[in-house]
Amino acid sequence: MTITPETSNELSLSIEKIISAPPEHVFNAWLDPITLARFMRPASGMEAPEITLDGTEGGEFEIIMKMPDGTPIPHTGKYLTVDPHRQITFTWESAFSPADSHVTLMLRPEGTGTHITLTHVKFFDTEKRDNHHGGWSQILDTLSEIL
């Protein structure tokens, strides 16, 4: 597949959700491998992924998701911004996204909960972007359920 500016640089998605937990809990969930494994499942029927991470700026992570048939799907990245209880930005590389793809999580208090905005930029094509939109939506819904 050829990557063009239209596909890699301009495609993005943004999802907003209110989670009934304080920003501290939401923030910490993204950086704790045990908790992250509980909600990092972009499709139903997936097993808990294997996760290793160093949740500091410059730290790296590896998430090995498993399809319902057991096929592993590795994801790797590096934390670019770790601003406690406000923002996490990380690169996001897999077979379904380019190496310079990245995700930003913005958190702000909303009543007794947290308003989270997840923005993911750079995709191979619109189909991959749309698939990621569904996956990230599922992940945020599961996060909301476990917190």
C-alpha atoms as a PDB file:
ATOM      1  CA  MET A   1       0.000   0.000   0.000  1.00  0.00           C
ATOM      2  CA  THR A   2       1.297   3.430  -0.886  1.00  0.00           C
ATOM      3  CA  ILE A   3       1.168   6.017   1.871  1.00  0.00           C
ATOM      4  CA  THR A   4       0.239   9.461   0.597  1.00  0.00           C
ATOM      5  CA  PRO A   5      -0.244  12.749   2.463  1.00  0.00           C
ATOM      6  CA  GLU A   6      -4.004  12.260   2.162  1.00  0.00           C
ATOM      7  CA  THR A   7      -3.837   8.907   3.904  1.00  0.00           C
ATOM      8  CA  SER A   8      -1.039   9.228   6.411  1.00  0.00           C
ATOM      9  CA  ASN A   9      -0.932  12.862   7.490  1.00  0.00           C
ATOM     10  CA  GLU A  10      -4.464  14.151   7.233  1.00  0.00           C
ATOM     11  CA  LEU A  11      -6.560  11.290   8.568  1.00  0.00           C
ATOM     12  CA  SER A  12      -7.414  11.469  12.245  1.00  0.00           C
ATOM     13  CA  LEU A  13     -10.136  10.564  14.681  1.00  0.00           C
ATOM     14  CA  SER A  14     -11.337  12.034  17.926  1.00  0.00           C
ATOM     15  CA  ILE A  15     -13.601  10.423  20.523  1.00  0.00           C
ATOM     16  CA  GLU A  16     -14.989  12.072  23.637  1.00  0.00           C
ATOM     17  CA  LYS A  17     -16.453  10.273  26.631  1.00  0.00           C
ATOM     18  CA  ILE A  18     -17.411  11.026  30.222  1.00  0.00           C
ATOM     19  CA  ILE A  19     -16.110   8.409  32.652  1.00  0.00           C
ATOM     20  CA  SER A  20     -17.531   8.199  36.178  1.00  0.00           C
ATOM     21  CA  ALA A  21     -14.155   8.227  37.889  1.00  0.00           C
ATOM     22  CA  PRO A  22     -11.817  11.070  38.833  1.00  0.00           C
ATOM     23  CA  PRO A  23      -9.024  12.080  36.426  1.00  0.00           C
ATOM     24  CA  GLU A  24      -6.410  10.499  38.715  1.00  0.00           C
ATOM     25  CA  HIS A  25      -8.033   7.054  38.338  1.00  0.00           C
ATOM     26  CA  VAL A  26      -8.456   7.389  34.573  1.00  0.00           C
ATOM     27  CA  PHE A  27      -4.867   8.595  34.144  1.00  0.00           C
ATOM     28  CA  ASN A  28      -3.437   5.823  36.324  1.00  0.00           C
ATOM     29  CA  ALA A  29      -5.455   3.150  34.474  1.00  0.00           C
ATOM     30  CA  TRP A  30      -3.635   3.967  31.224  1.00  0.00           C
ATOM     31  CA  LEU A  31      -0.209   3.560  32.835  1.00  0.00           C
ATOM     32  CA  ASP A  32      -0.788   0.448  34.955  1.00  0.00           C
ATOM     33  CA  PRO A  33      -0.208  -2.708  32.873  1.00  0.00           C
ATOM     34  CA  ILE A  34      -2.624  -4.831  34.928  1.00  0.00           C
ATOM     35  CA  THR A  35      -5.481  -2.335  34.618  1.00  0.00           C
ATOM     36  CA  LEU A  36      -4.639  -1.537  30.990  1.00  0.00           C
ATOM     37  CA  ALA A  37      -4.904  -5.245  30.145  1.00  0.00           C
ATOM     38  CA  ARG A  38      -8.456  -5.227  31.521  1.00  0.00           C
ATOM     39  CA  PHE A  39      -9.720  -2.634  29.035  1.00  0.00           C
ATOM     40  CA  MET A  40      -7.305  -2.658  26.051  1.00  0.00           C
ATOM     41  CA  ARG A  41      -9.585  -4.935  24.022  1.00  0.00           C
ATOM     42  CA  PRO A  42     -10.799  -3.253  20.839  1.00  0.00           C
ATOM     43  CA  ALA A  43     -13.213  -6.043  19.884  1.00  0.00           C
ATOM     44  CA  SER A  44     -15.451  -8.404  21.791  1.00  0.00           C
ATOM     45  CA  GLY A  45     -14.109 -11.900  22.320  1.00  0.00           C
ATOM     46  CA  MET A  46     -10.500 -10.782  22.653  1.00  0.00           C
ATOM     47  CA  GLU A  47      -8.403 -12.143  25.505  1.00  0.00           C
ATOM     48  CA  ALA A  48      -6.510  -9.823  27.823  1.00  0.00           C
ATOM     49  CA  PRO A  49      -3.397  -8.583  26.022  1.00  0.00           C
ATOM     50  CA  GLU A  50       0.149  -9.061  27.241  1.00  0.00           C
ATOM     51  CA  ILE A  51       1.497  -5.662  28.257  1.00  0.00           C
ATOM     52  CA  THR A  52       4.869  -4.314  29.282  1.00  0.00           C
ATOM     53  CA  LEU A  53       5.382  -0.605  29.763  1.00  0.00           C
ATOM     54  CA  ASP A  54       7.477   2.142  31.221  1.00  0.00           C
ATOM     55  CA  GLY A  55       4.917   4.910  31.736  1.00  0.00           C
ATOM     56  CA  THR A  56       7.380   7.784  31.916  1.00  0.00           C
ATOM     57  CA  GLU A  57       8.102  10.357  29.213  1.00  0.00           C
ATOM     58  CA  GLY A  58      10.420   8.621  26.788  1.00  0.00           C
ATOM     59  CA  GLY A  59       9.400   5.223  28.150  1.00  0.00           C
ATOM     60  CA  GLU A  60       8.212   2.531  25.781  1.00  0.00           C
ATOM     61  CA  PHE A  61       5.415  -0.007  25.752  1.00  0.00           C
ATOM     62  CA  GLU A  62       4.475  -3.215  23.999  1.00  0.00           C
ATOM     63  CA  ILE A  63       0.912  -4.470  23.852  1.00  0.00           C
ATOM     64  CA  ILE A  64       0.287  -7.851  22.282  1.00  0.00           C
ATOM     65  CA  MET A  65      -3.419  -8.083  21.581  1.00  0.00           C
ATOM     66  CA  LYS A  66      -4.891 -11.452  20.691  1.00  0.00           C
ATOM     67  CA  MET A  67      -7.652 -11.910  18.171  1.00  0.00           C
ATOM     68  CA  PRO A  68     -10.460 -14.308  19.171  1.00  0.00           C
ATOM     69  CA  ASP A  69      -8.697 -17.025  17.114  1.00  0.00           C
ATOM     70  CA  GLY A  70      -5.477 -16.453  19.124  1.00  0.00           C
ATOM     71  CA  THR A  71      -3.597 -14.532  16.408  1.00  0.00           C
ATOM     72  CA  PRO A  72      -1.245 -12.067  18.147  1.00  0.00           C
ATOM     73  CA  ILE A  73      -1.264  -8.419  17.065  1.00  0.00           C
ATOM     74  CA  PRO A  74       1.725  -6.525  18.473  1.00  0.00           C
ATOM     75  CA  HIS A  75       1.501  -2.787  19.142  1.00  0.00           C
ATOM     76  CA  THR A  76       4.463  -0.725  20.260  1.00  0.00           C
ATOM     77  CA  GLY A  77       5.029   2.869  21.131  1.00  0.00           C
ATOM     78  CA  LYS A  78       6.814   5.498  23.122  1.00  0.00           C
ATOM     79  CA  TYR A  79       5.348   7.946  25.638  1.00  0.00           C
ATOM     80  CA  LEU A  80       5.885  11.470  24.349  1.00  0.00           C
ATOM     81  CA  THR A  81       3.950  13.357  27.056  1.00  0.00           C
ATOM     82  CA  VAL A  82       3.016  12.162  30.527  1.00  0.00           C
ATOM     83  CA  ASP A  83       1.375  15.089  32.337  1.00  0.00           C
ATOM     84  CA  PRO A  84      -0.195  13.623  35.499  1.00  0.00           C
ATOM     85  CA  HIS A  85      -3.979  13.560  35.471  1.00  0.00           C
ATOM     86  CA  ARG A  86      -4.177  15.784  32.353  1.00  0.00           C
ATOM     87  CA  GLN A  87      -2.514  14.315  29.262  1.00  0.00           C
ATOM     88  CA  ILE A  88      -0.811  11.241  27.859  1.00  0.00           C
ATOM     89  CA  THR A  89       0.564  11.230  24.314  1.00  0.00           C
ATOM     90  CA  PHE A  90       2.189   8.179  22.775  1.00  0.00           C
ATOM     91  CA  THR A  91       3.228   6.828  19.418  1.00  0.00           C
ATOM     92  CA  TRP A  92       1.152   3.897  18.160  1.00  0.00           C
ATOM     93  CA  GLU A  93       2.698   1.414  15.766  1.00  0.00           C
ATOM     94  CA  SER A  94       1.168  -1.809  14.518  1.00  0.00           C
ATOM     95  CA  ALA A  95       0.480  -3.612  11.261  1.00  0.00           C
ATOM     96  CA  PHE A  96      -2.607  -1.375  11.009  1.00  0.00           C
ATOM     97  CA  SER A  97      -1.021   2.033  11.609  1.00  0.00           C
ATOM     98  CA  PRO A  98       2.119   3.835  10.376  1.00  0.00           C
ATOM     99  CA  ALA A  99       5.175   4.193  12.594  1.00  0.00           C
ATOM    100  CA  ASP A 100       4.579   7.939  13.083  1.00  0.00           C
ATOM    101  CA  SER A 101       0.956   7.499  14.162  1.00  0.00           C
ATOM    102  CA  HIS A 102       0.236   8.856  17.635  1.00  0.00           C
ATOM    103  CA  VAL A 103      -2.527   9.043  20.225  1.00  0.00           C
ATOM    104  CA  THR A 104      -3.283  11.858  22.674  1.00  0.00           C
ATOM    105  CA  LEU A 105      -5.487  11.434  25.724  1.00  0.00           C
ATOM    106  CA  MET A 106      -6.714  14.697  27.233  1.00  0.00           C
ATOM    107  CA  LEU A 107      -8.371  14.490  30.660  1.00  0.00           C
ATOM    108  CA  ARG A 108     -10.322  17.120  32.532  1.00  0.00           C
ATOM    109  CA  PRO A 109     -12.616  16.998  35.536  1.00  0.00           C
ATOM    110  CA  GLU A 110     -16.315  16.774  34.689  1.00  0.00           C
ATOM    111  CA  GLY A 111     -18.470  16.883  37.827  1.00  0.00           C
ATOM    112  CA  THR A 112     -17.337  13.880  39.871  1.00  0.00           C
ATOM    113  CA  GLY A 113     -15.961  12.172  36.765  1.00  0.00           C
ATOM    114  CA  THR A 114     -13.590  12.766  33.872  1.00  0.00           C
ATOM    115  CA  HIS A 115     -14.111  14.072  30.376  1.00  0.00           C
ATOM    116  CA  ILE A 116     -11.654  12.207  28.151  1.00  0.00           C
ATOM    117  CA  THR A 117     -10.815  13.144  24.582  1.00  0.00           C
ATOM    118  CA  LEU A 118      -8.854  10.544  22.627  1.00  0.00           C
ATOM    119  CA  THR A 119      -7.304  11.795  19.394  1.00  0.00           C
ATOM    120  CA  HIS A 120      -5.441   9.460  17.054  1.00  0.00           C
ATOM    121  CA  VAL A 121      -3.620  10.880  14.027  1.00  0.00           C
ATOM    122  CA  LYS A 122      -2.083   9.294  10.927  1.00  0.00           C
ATOM    123  CA  PHE A 123      -3.571   6.219   9.323  1.00  0.00           C
ATOM    124  CA  PHE A 124      -2.818   4.202   6.202  1.00  0.00           C
ATOM    125  CA  ASP A 125      -6.330   4.810   4.842  1.00  0.00           C
ATOM    126  CA  THR A 126      -9.919   5.621   5.800  1.00  0.00           C
ATOM    127  CA  GLU A 127     -10.772   1.962   6.416  1.00  0.00           C
ATOM    128  CA  LYS A 128      -7.973   1.643   9.001  1.00  0.00           C
ATOM    129  CA  ARG A 129      -9.047   4.933  10.593  1.00  0.00           C
ATOM    130  CA  ASP A 130     -12.667   3.778  10.819  1.00  0.00           C
ATOM    131  CA  ASN A 131     -11.591   0.427  12.280  1.00  0.00           C
ATOM    132  CA  HIS A 132      -9.510   2.257  14.893  1.00  0.00           C
ATOM    133  CA  HIS A 133     -12.483   4.478  15.717  1.00  0.00           C
ATOM    134  CA  GLY A 134     -14.517   1.379  16.542  1.00  0.00           C
ATOM    135  CA  GLY A 135     -11.646  -0.146  18.512  1.00  0.00           C
ATOM    136  CA  TRP A 136     -10.900   2.970  20.563  1.00  0.00           C
ATOM    137  CA  SER A 137     -14.634   3.436  21.250  1.00  0.00           C
ATOM    138  CA  GLN A 138     -14.824  -0.132  22.589  1.00  0.00           C
ATOM    139  CA  ILE A 139     -11.712   0.432  24.711  1.00  0.00           C
ATOM    140  CA  LEU A 140     -13.138   3.623  26.258  1.00  0.00           C
ATOM    141  CA  ASP A 141     -16.478   1.894  26.936  1.00  0.00           C
ATOM    142  CA  THR A 142     -14.676  -0.970  28.707  1.00  0.00           C
ATOM    143  CA  LEU A 143     -12.532   1.486  30.671  1.00  0.00           C
ATOM    144  CA  SER A 144     -15.690   3.232  31.803  1.00  0.00           C
ATOM    145  CA  GLU A 145     -17.198  -0.092  32.913  1.00  0.00           C
ATOM    146  CA  ILE A 146     -14.196  -1.192  34.981  1.00  0.00           C
ATOM    147  CA  LEU A 147     -13.702   2.153  36.727  1.00  0.00           C
END
